[in-house]
Structures are given as C-alpha cells and as structure tokens.
Amino acid sequence: MSIFGAQSLADSRFDEQARHYDALLVLSFGGPEGEADVIPFLENVTRGRNVPRERLMEVAEHYQHFGGVSPINAQNRALIAALETELGDHGPTLPIYFGNRNWHPFVTDTIAQMRTDGVRRALVFVTSAFSTWSGCRQYREDVIRALETLGPGGPEFDKIRVFYNHPGFIEPMIELTRDALEQVPANRRATTEVVFTAHSVPIEMARHSAYVLQLNEAARLIAEGVGAGQYRLAYQSRSGSPRIPWLEPDILKELTDLHDQGISDVVVVPLGFISDHMEVLFDLDHEAMDHAAELGMTMIRSATVGTHPRFVRMIRELILERTTEHPDRPYVGRRGPNHDICPVNCCLLRSPA
C-alpha cells in the first residue's frame, strides 16, 4: 500500500507492515544557484498563484544580496552527506537521491534516474516538519505528477511521516533555543520573549490541515524545555495576492507590539524551517533584525536543526519505522505520532467545490 494512492477515512493511519526499500528520496523546495536562475526559479514557484509581478521582483532582489544563490541546495546536500554517513555506520544501507519541486535537480529528473537505476520502491523524506498543503500534500502531488509524466515502470513511493513532535526534532530545537537564550545577559533573561516563527500560508489552506495545531504544540514543547515563561508564535515570508487572508501575526508587527509592551530582548526561533535558507537569512537575519534594531530591541536568532547529529539520527529512525513490523513511533507531547498513511482529504489546498 503506497501513501500516494487514495486512502479512505476508514483505513488505518499507520502502515504496520515491514517493508523493503531500494532507496531514499530527499525531496525539497529548491533554490537558484546563480543570478541567471533567480527569475526562472521564482516563476516556477509562483506559477498559477496570481502573484503580482512587482512582488516577484521584490523577492528577486532578496536573492541579489547573496549573489543570486539560495543556500538551500547546499544545505540539503550537506544533510544528505551526513545521512549517508549515519546510514553507512548504522544501517540500513540505502542509496539517497535528491529532488526538488522548483529547481534543479527537479524531482521528475531524479525519479527518471531512479527508474534507470532499477529502484522499485523508495521512501520519501520531505524537508518539512509540519502538515500543510505546501509542506506535505503538494510534495506528494509532485511525485505523482512526475510518475505520470514518465509513464509506466516508475518506482512506488512511501512518504515518511511528519516529525514536528519527534524527539529527534524537539530535543535539538530545545538545545539550539537554549543556546540563543544564553546569549542574553543573565539579568535580562527572565523578561526575554521567545518568538517562534513559521512560514505563513493562506488561512483557507491552514483550515484543512493540522499546521497551526502542530506549530503550537512544537512551540509549547520547546518553550517548556528551555523554561521560557514568555513565548508566542508569529509568521513570516508571506507571498501571494494581498486580497487573500494569510496567517498572522507577521513577525515584524509582532516585534513592534512587543516593543510597545516594554519588551527589550527577543529570541526568534525559526521553528518552521529545518535549515538556514533564504527565508531565514533574509526575512529574519536582515528584515526582522533591522526592524528590531530600529525599535531599540535586542534580537537573537536561534539556529535551525540543519545537520545536528540528533536530527540526522531521527531520519534513520523514521526509515526504520517503515522497515519494521508494528514499530514503535516515538513522539513527545500530547498529540501522538503523526500518520504515515494520508487520507484523501488530508492537507487540502482549499475547500472542495
């Protein structure tokens, strides 16, 4: 049973069988790797989304600060290298392939190579810890579309479950948040506000997923882990039509509100991102940091999990779940492990017509 097939609500949420896999596909968003790539990349990202041209050019300017190069591909290659070492040392032995939604290596090209290499069944690790259309279902649809484009004979794919409350994600996030808090002078830590951020999405999209519930649960777990008495969740990196309501509050407005409340020290935790790619480097390290400085606030940004050894080990553990009969599925908090078989109505983009 592949999770890319249609599942009814009556089906189990979990695959309890021990399965054999020939490979792992690491599937991500993609990013430009030179100035000539920026506009074509952004056109891929925004195709069909009715994003104003001026907004596209505004975002293109962000990339020019970094020579037109997004760090996301290099960060994913570093994660793959770390995972190859982890699997080589501890098993299982699996070749790892890398594919992207919006830029080279495109997922269709990667799956074509997998088919040429004789891969019959593969696991998919998506570089998103949370459930929403853009962070989960759309990646499943990318794989389905690639298989339809390539025709019969392609591999079967099973997606690894989202990991927002897996100890292998929460534990390193607690460590990294604590490291950031310790940069605040000891006599000011008790009044420091921790602000968790995640990519904003349209409210209609959020309604059809557990995105906000999962973000709040992960933020609570991390805040409790560091003993933070004051914390909140904000959103960043909004795009799309200004007529469509998106999740709020925006991080810049939240910083202003905190300043107005007399808060002088803020630790910003990019909870919704697993590596320091463009939305972190520009939207937080540049825009939010500059805004905080203008307000006279001290802002410290915590690191993302990146290639943290515990996070890399978590990916191996998630692979083992799918190769083990009736596996343990570690989690922390109140919500239990997320499903690894998605129902047909999971993470819809919008209400059915």
Protein backbone atom coordinates (compact mmCIF):
# COMPACT_ATOMS: atom_id res chain seq x y z
CA MET A 1 0.00 0.00 0.00
CA SER A 2 1.56 3.31 -1.06
CA ILE A 3 0.52 6.52 0.65
CA PHE A 4 0.44 8.09 -2.81
CA GLY A 5 -2.64 6.01 -3.56
CA ALA A 6 -6.09 7.15 -2.46
CA GLN A 7 -6.86 6.20 1.13
CA SER A 8 -10.33 6.21 2.62
CA LEU A 9 -11.08 7.64 6.05
CA ALA A 10 -11.79 4.11 7.25
CA ASP A 11 -8.24 2.96 6.52
CA SER A 12 -5.63 2.75 9.27
CA ARG A 13 -3.49 5.83 9.71
CA PHE A 14 -0.40 3.66 10.06
CA ASP A 15 1.42 1.11 7.94
CA GLU A 16 2.22 -1.74 10.33
CA GLN A 17 3.99 -3.97 7.80
CA ALA A 18 7.75 -4.35 7.50
CA ARG A 19 8.64 -3.17 4.01
CA HIS A 20 11.77 -3.34 1.89
CA TYR A 21 13.06 -0.21 0.17
CA ASP A 22 15.66 0.21 -2.54
CA ALA A 23 16.36 3.91 -1.98
CA LEU A 24 15.52 7.13 -0.17
CA LEU A 25 14.41 10.29 -1.97
CA VAL A 26 15.13 13.56 -0.16
CA LEU A 27 12.54 15.95 -1.56
CA SER A 28 12.76 19.71 -1.07
CA PHE A 29 11.76 23.12 -2.37
CA GLY A 30 14.83 24.06 -4.41
CA GLY A 31 16.53 27.39 -4.94
CA PRO A 32 18.53 29.32 -7.55
CA GLU A 33 22.28 28.79 -7.73
CA GLY A 34 23.22 31.90 -9.73
CA GLU A 35 21.85 35.29 -10.74
CA ALA A 36 20.53 33.98 -14.05
CA ASP A 37 18.46 31.39 -12.17
CA VAL A 38 16.56 33.77 -9.90
CA ILE A 39 13.67 34.91 -12.14
CA PRO A 40 13.08 31.47 -13.75
CA PHE A 41 13.10 29.93 -10.27
CA LEU A 42 10.60 32.45 -8.91
CA GLU A 43 8.39 31.96 -11.96
CA ASN A 44 8.35 28.24 -11.16
CA VAL A 45 7.45 28.97 -7.53
CA THR A 46 4.64 31.39 -8.34
CA ARG A 47 3.18 29.72 -11.44
CA GLY A 48 -0.62 29.70 -11.21
CA ARG A 49 -0.67 31.66 -7.94
CA ASN A 50 -1.57 35.08 -9.29
CA VAL A 51 1.40 36.75 -7.58
CA PRO A 52 1.87 40.36 -8.75
CA ARG A 53 4.97 40.89 -10.90
CA GLU A 54 6.19 43.62 -8.56
CA ARG A 55 6.15 41.16 -5.65
CA LEU A 56 8.19 38.67 -7.71
CA MET A 57 10.77 41.38 -8.48
CA GLU A 58 10.86 42.39 -4.82
CA VAL A 59 11.68 38.82 -3.79
CA ALA A 60 14.23 38.56 -6.62
CA GLU A 61 16.06 41.49 -5.03
CA HIS A 62 16.40 39.47 -1.83
CA TYR A 63 18.42 36.86 -3.69
CA GLN A 64 20.70 39.51 -5.16
CA HIS A 65 22.03 40.14 -1.64
CA PHE A 66 23.50 36.64 -1.89
CA GLY A 67 24.73 36.72 -5.48
CA GLY A 68 21.58 35.03 -6.71
CA VAL A 69 22.40 31.88 -4.77
CA SER A 70 19.99 30.32 -2.31
CA PRO A 71 21.79 28.21 0.30
CA ILE A 72 19.03 25.59 0.39
CA ASN A 73 20.52 23.18 -2.17
CA ALA A 74 23.93 23.20 -0.47
CA GLN A 75 22.26 22.70 2.90
CA ASN A 76 20.28 19.74 1.60
CA ARG A 77 23.42 18.22 0.11
CA ALA A 78 25.12 18.62 3.49
CA LEU A 79 22.16 16.88 5.15
CA ILE A 80 22.33 14.06 2.61
CA ALA A 81 26.08 13.66 3.21
CA ALA A 82 25.52 13.48 6.97
CA LEU A 83 22.70 10.96 6.49
CA GLU A 84 24.86 8.83 4.18
CA THR A 85 27.43 8.64 6.96
CA GLU A 86 24.76 7.80 9.53
CA LEU A 87 23.29 5.03 7.38
CA GLY A 88 26.75 3.76 6.47
CA ASP A 89 27.68 3.48 10.14
CA HIS A 90 24.40 2.08 11.48
CA GLY A 91 22.26 0.94 8.54
CA PRO A 92 20.07 0.37 6.75
CA THR A 93 22.11 0.68 3.57
CA LEU A 94 20.14 2.82 1.12
CA PRO A 95 21.25 5.00 -1.80
CA ILE A 96 19.98 8.56 -1.34
CA TYR A 97 18.57 10.61 -4.22
CA PHE A 98 17.89 14.35 -4.17
CA GLY A 99 14.98 16.05 -5.94
CA ASN A 100 13.36 19.50 -5.86
CA ARG A 101 9.98 20.98 -6.67
CA ASN A 102 11.16 24.27 -8.16
CA TRP A 103 14.76 23.97 -9.33
CA HIS A 104 17.48 21.56 -10.33
CA PRO A 105 17.64 18.70 -9.59
CA PHE A 106 13.95 18.58 -10.49
CA VAL A 107 12.02 15.70 -8.95
CA THR A 108 10.96 14.35 -12.37
CA ASP A 109 14.59 14.11 -13.48
CA THR A 110 15.56 12.44 -10.21
CA ILE A 111 12.78 9.86 -10.43
CA ALA A 112 13.75 9.16 -14.04
CA GLN A 113 17.27 8.39 -12.81
CA MET A 114 15.89 6.20 -10.03
CA ARG A 115 13.93 4.22 -12.60
CA THR A 116 17.03 3.83 -14.77
CA ASP A 117 18.93 2.61 -11.71
CA GLY A 118 16.33 -0.08 -11.10
CA VAL A 119 14.71 1.36 -7.97
CA ARG A 120 11.38 -0.35 -7.42
CA ARG A 121 10.24 1.02 -4.06
CA ALA A 122 11.53 4.10 -2.25
CA LEU A 123 10.90 6.15 0.84
CA VAL A 124 10.47 9.92 0.61
CA PHE A 125 11.82 12.32 3.24
CA VAL A 126 10.31 15.79 2.76
CA THR A 127 12.26 18.66 4.31
CA SER A 128 9.23 19.96 6.23
CA ALA A 129 8.35 19.04 9.79
CA PHE A 130 4.71 20.16 9.60
CA SER A 131 1.49 19.19 7.82
CA THR A 132 0.01 21.57 5.29
CA TRP A 133 -0.70 21.51 1.57
CA SER A 134 2.52 23.33 0.66
CA GLY A 135 4.63 21.38 3.18
CA CYS A 136 3.24 17.88 2.66
CA ARG A 137 0.45 17.19 0.18
CA GLN A 138 1.96 19.28 -2.62
CA TYR A 139 5.16 17.24 -2.42
CA ARG A 140 3.10 14.04 -2.74
CA GLU A 141 1.42 15.59 -5.77
CA ASP A 142 4.83 16.47 -7.21
CA VAL A 143 5.83 12.81 -7.07
CA ILE A 144 2.53 11.66 -8.58
CA ARG A 145 2.89 14.19 -11.40
CA ALA A 146 6.46 13.06 -12.09
CA LEU A 147 5.36 9.42 -12.28
CA GLU A 148 2.51 10.32 -14.64
CA THR A 149 4.93 12.28 -16.83
CA LEU A 150 7.41 9.40 -17.01
CA GLY A 151 4.81 6.73 -17.69
CA PRO A 152 4.62 3.10 -16.54
CA GLY A 153 7.52 1.40 -14.79
CA GLY A 154 8.35 4.00 -12.18
CA PRO A 155 9.09 3.22 -8.53
CA GLU A 156 6.47 3.10 -5.81
CA PHE A 157 6.91 5.69 -3.06
CA ASP A 158 6.00 5.86 0.62
CA LYS A 159 6.33 9.17 2.44
CA ILE A 160 7.98 9.30 5.86
CA ARG A 161 5.64 10.86 8.45
CA VAL A 162 5.99 14.49 9.50
CA PHE A 163 8.19 14.86 12.55
CA TYR A 164 7.15 18.07 14.32
CA ASN A 165 6.84 16.25 17.68
CA HIS A 166 9.53 13.60 17.23
CA PRO A 167 12.17 13.78 19.98
CA GLY A 168 14.82 13.91 17.26
CA PHE A 169 13.43 17.30 16.21
CA ILE A 170 12.29 18.71 19.54
CA GLU A 171 15.45 17.84 21.51
CA PRO A 172 17.90 19.67 19.21
CA MET A 173 15.47 22.59 18.92
CA ILE A 174 15.46 22.87 22.72
CA GLU A 175 19.26 22.82 22.71
CA LEU A 176 19.53 25.47 19.99
CA THR A 177 16.91 27.71 21.61
CA ARG A 178 18.71 27.43 24.95
CA ASP A 179 21.98 28.40 23.23
CA ALA A 180 20.29 31.54 21.89
CA LEU A 181 18.77 32.43 25.26
CA GLU A 182 22.16 32.11 26.92
CA GLN A 183 23.40 34.95 24.71
CA VAL A 184 21.03 37.29 26.58
CA PRO A 185 22.61 38.77 29.73
CA ALA A 186 21.56 36.68 32.72
CA ASN A 187 19.84 39.58 34.45
CA ARG A 188 17.52 40.09 31.42
CA ARG A 189 16.62 36.50 30.54
CA ALA A 190 13.53 36.36 32.74
CA THR A 191 11.93 39.16 30.70
CA THR A 192 13.09 37.89 27.31
CA GLU A 193 10.31 36.92 24.92
CA VAL A 194 10.76 33.81 22.76
CA VAL A 195 9.05 34.20 19.37
CA PHE A 196 8.67 31.10 17.24
CA THR A 197 8.22 31.72 13.52
CA ALA A 198 6.92 29.67 10.63
CA HIS A 199 6.08 30.35 7.02
CA SER A 200 2.69 31.99 6.71
CA VAL A 201 0.14 30.26 4.49
CA PRO A 202 -3.36 31.28 3.36
CA ILE A 203 -5.93 30.83 6.12
CA GLU A 204 -8.04 28.68 3.80
CA MET A 205 -5.08 26.32 3.37
CA ALA A 206 -4.39 26.23 7.10
CA ARG A 207 -8.03 25.30 7.83
CA HIS A 208 -7.61 21.98 6.03
CA SER A 209 -4.53 20.82 7.90
CA ALA A 210 -3.11 20.47 11.38
CA TYR A 211 -0.44 23.10 10.61
CA VAL A 212 -1.32 25.62 13.33
CA LEU A 213 -2.04 22.93 15.93
CA GLN A 214 1.31 21.28 15.22
CA LEU A 215 3.20 24.58 15.34
CA ASN A 216 1.64 25.48 18.67
CA GLU A 217 2.42 22.05 20.10
CA ALA A 218 6.05 22.15 18.97
CA ALA A 219 6.45 25.72 20.29
CA ARG A 220 4.99 24.67 23.65
CA LEU A 221 7.32 21.68 23.93
CA ILE A 222 10.41 23.73 23.12
CA ALA A 223 9.41 26.60 25.40
CA GLU A 224 8.83 24.20 28.28
CA GLY A 225 12.14 22.52 27.50
CA VAL A 226 14.06 25.77 27.93
CA GLY A 227 11.92 27.04 30.80
CA ALA A 228 10.67 30.03 28.83
CA GLY A 229 7.91 31.78 30.75
CA GLN A 230 7.01 34.01 27.82
CA TYR A 231 6.69 32.85 24.25
CA ARG A 232 4.45 33.28 21.21
CA LEU A 233 4.05 32.15 17.61
CA ALA A 234 4.37 34.53 14.66
CA TYR A 235 4.53 34.09 10.89
CA GLN A 236 6.85 35.29 8.17
CA SER A 237 7.63 35.24 4.45
CA ARG A 238 4.08 35.85 3.25
CA SER A 239 3.63 35.91 -0.53
CA GLY A 240 0.69 35.76 -2.92
CA SER A 241 -2.25 38.04 -3.58
CA PRO A 242 -2.76 40.74 -0.92
CA ARG A 243 -6.53 40.12 -1.22
CA ILE A 244 -6.22 36.64 0.30
CA PRO A 245 -6.04 36.46 4.12
CA TRP A 246 -2.93 34.69 5.45
CA LEU A 247 -1.94 33.50 8.89
CA GLU A 248 -0.91 36.30 11.24
CA PRO A 249 0.66 37.99 13.17
CA ASP A 250 3.61 38.82 10.95
CA ILE A 251 6.97 38.77 12.73
CA LEU A 252 7.63 42.47 12.03
CA LYS A 253 4.31 43.52 13.54
CA GLU A 254 4.91 41.20 16.47
CA LEU A 255 8.26 42.85 17.18
CA THR A 256 6.56 46.25 17.15
CA ASP A 257 3.87 45.04 19.53
CA LEU A 258 6.45 43.56 21.90
CA HIS A 259 8.37 46.83 21.88
CA ASP A 260 5.17 48.71 22.70
CA GLN A 261 4.67 46.29 25.64
CA GLY A 262 8.10 47.19 27.01
CA ILE A 263 9.96 44.06 25.90
CA SER A 264 13.59 44.83 25.10
CA ASP A 265 15.03 41.35 24.39
CA VAL A 266 13.68 38.81 21.92
CA VAL A 267 14.89 35.37 20.87
CA VAL A 268 13.45 34.43 17.48
CA VAL A 269 13.26 30.69 16.75
CA PRO A 270 12.64 29.72 13.09
CA LEU A 271 10.56 26.72 14.09
CA GLY A 272 9.07 26.10 10.66
CA PHE A 273 12.41 25.71 8.89
CA ILE A 274 14.98 22.91 9.18
CA SER A 275 17.88 24.88 7.66
CA ASP A 276 19.08 28.46 7.32
CA HIS A 277 17.82 29.09 3.80
CA MET A 278 16.61 32.34 2.24
CA GLU A 279 13.50 32.88 4.37
CA VAL A 280 15.73 32.68 7.43
CA LEU A 281 18.75 34.58 6.15
CA PHE A 282 16.83 37.47 4.58
CA ASP A 283 13.44 37.65 6.29
CA LEU A 284 14.82 37.11 9.79
CA ASP A 285 18.53 37.95 9.78
CA HIS A 286 18.04 41.03 7.61
CA GLU A 287 14.48 42.39 7.75
CA ALA A 288 13.49 41.33 11.27
CA MET A 289 16.91 42.05 12.74
CA ASP A 290 16.98 45.51 11.18
CA HIS A 291 13.44 46.21 12.40
CA ALA A 292 14.34 45.17 15.93
CA ALA A 293 17.40 47.43 15.85
CA GLU A 294 15.28 50.36 14.68
CA LEU A 295 12.99 49.74 17.66
CA GLY A 296 15.95 49.64 20.03
CA MET A 297 15.39 45.94 20.80
CA THR A 298 17.98 43.20 21.09
CA MET A 299 17.07 40.29 18.81
CA ILE A 300 18.91 36.98 18.80
CA ARG A 301 18.02 34.35 16.23
CA SER A 302 18.42 30.70 17.16
CA ALA A 303 19.92 28.20 14.74
CA THR A 304 17.90 25.64 12.78
CA VAL A 305 18.45 21.89 13.16
CA GLY A 306 20.44 21.63 9.92
CA THR A 307 22.80 18.64 10.26
CA HIS A 308 22.54 18.33 14.04
CA PRO A 309 23.53 14.71 14.84
CA ARG A 310 20.30 14.01 16.75
CA PHE A 311 18.24 15.27 13.80
CA VAL A 312 20.19 13.14 11.33
CA ARG A 313 19.72 10.13 13.61
CA MET A 314 15.99 10.88 13.68
CA ILE A 315 15.79 10.44 9.90
CA ARG A 316 17.39 7.00 10.22
CA GLU A 317 14.88 6.13 12.97
CA LEU A 318 12.00 7.20 10.73
CA ILE A 319 13.35 4.98 7.96
CA LEU A 320 13.49 2.04 10.38
CA GLU A 321 9.85 2.61 11.33
CA ARG A 322 8.84 1.75 7.78
CA THR A 323 11.07 -1.35 7.60
CA THR A 324 9.87 -2.79 10.93
CA GLU A 325 6.64 -4.65 11.65
CA HIS A 326 4.46 -2.88 14.23
CA PRO A 327 7.19 -0.32 15.02
CA ASP A 328 7.46 2.00 17.97
CA ARG A 329 6.78 5.56 16.80
CA PRO A 330 8.48 7.95 19.22
CA TYR A 331 6.87 11.28 19.96
CA VAL A 332 6.71 13.84 22.73
CA GLY A 333 3.76 15.89 23.90
CA ARG A 334 0.02 15.46 23.71
CA ARG A 335 -0.84 14.70 20.09
CA GLY A 336 0.73 11.30 19.41
CA PRO A 337 2.72 10.29 16.34
CA ASN A 338 1.53 11.66 13.02
CA HIS A 339 0.06 9.21 10.49
CA ASP A 340 2.19 7.71 7.76
CA ILE A 341 -0.80 6.93 5.53
CA CYS A 342 -2.57 10.10 4.40
CA PRO A 343 -6.37 10.10 3.98
CA VAL A 344 -7.81 11.50 0.76
CA ASN A 345 -8.90 14.76 2.43
CA CYS A 346 -5.58 15.40 4.19
CA CYS A 347 -4.00 18.86 3.82
CA LEU A 348 -6.25 20.15 1.06
CA LEU A 349 -5.38 23.41 -0.67
CA ARG A 350 -8.93 24.71 -0.33
CA SER A 351 -12.48 23.54 0.37
CA PRO A 352 -13.76 21.00 -2.15
CA ALA A 353 -16.04 22.54 -4.78
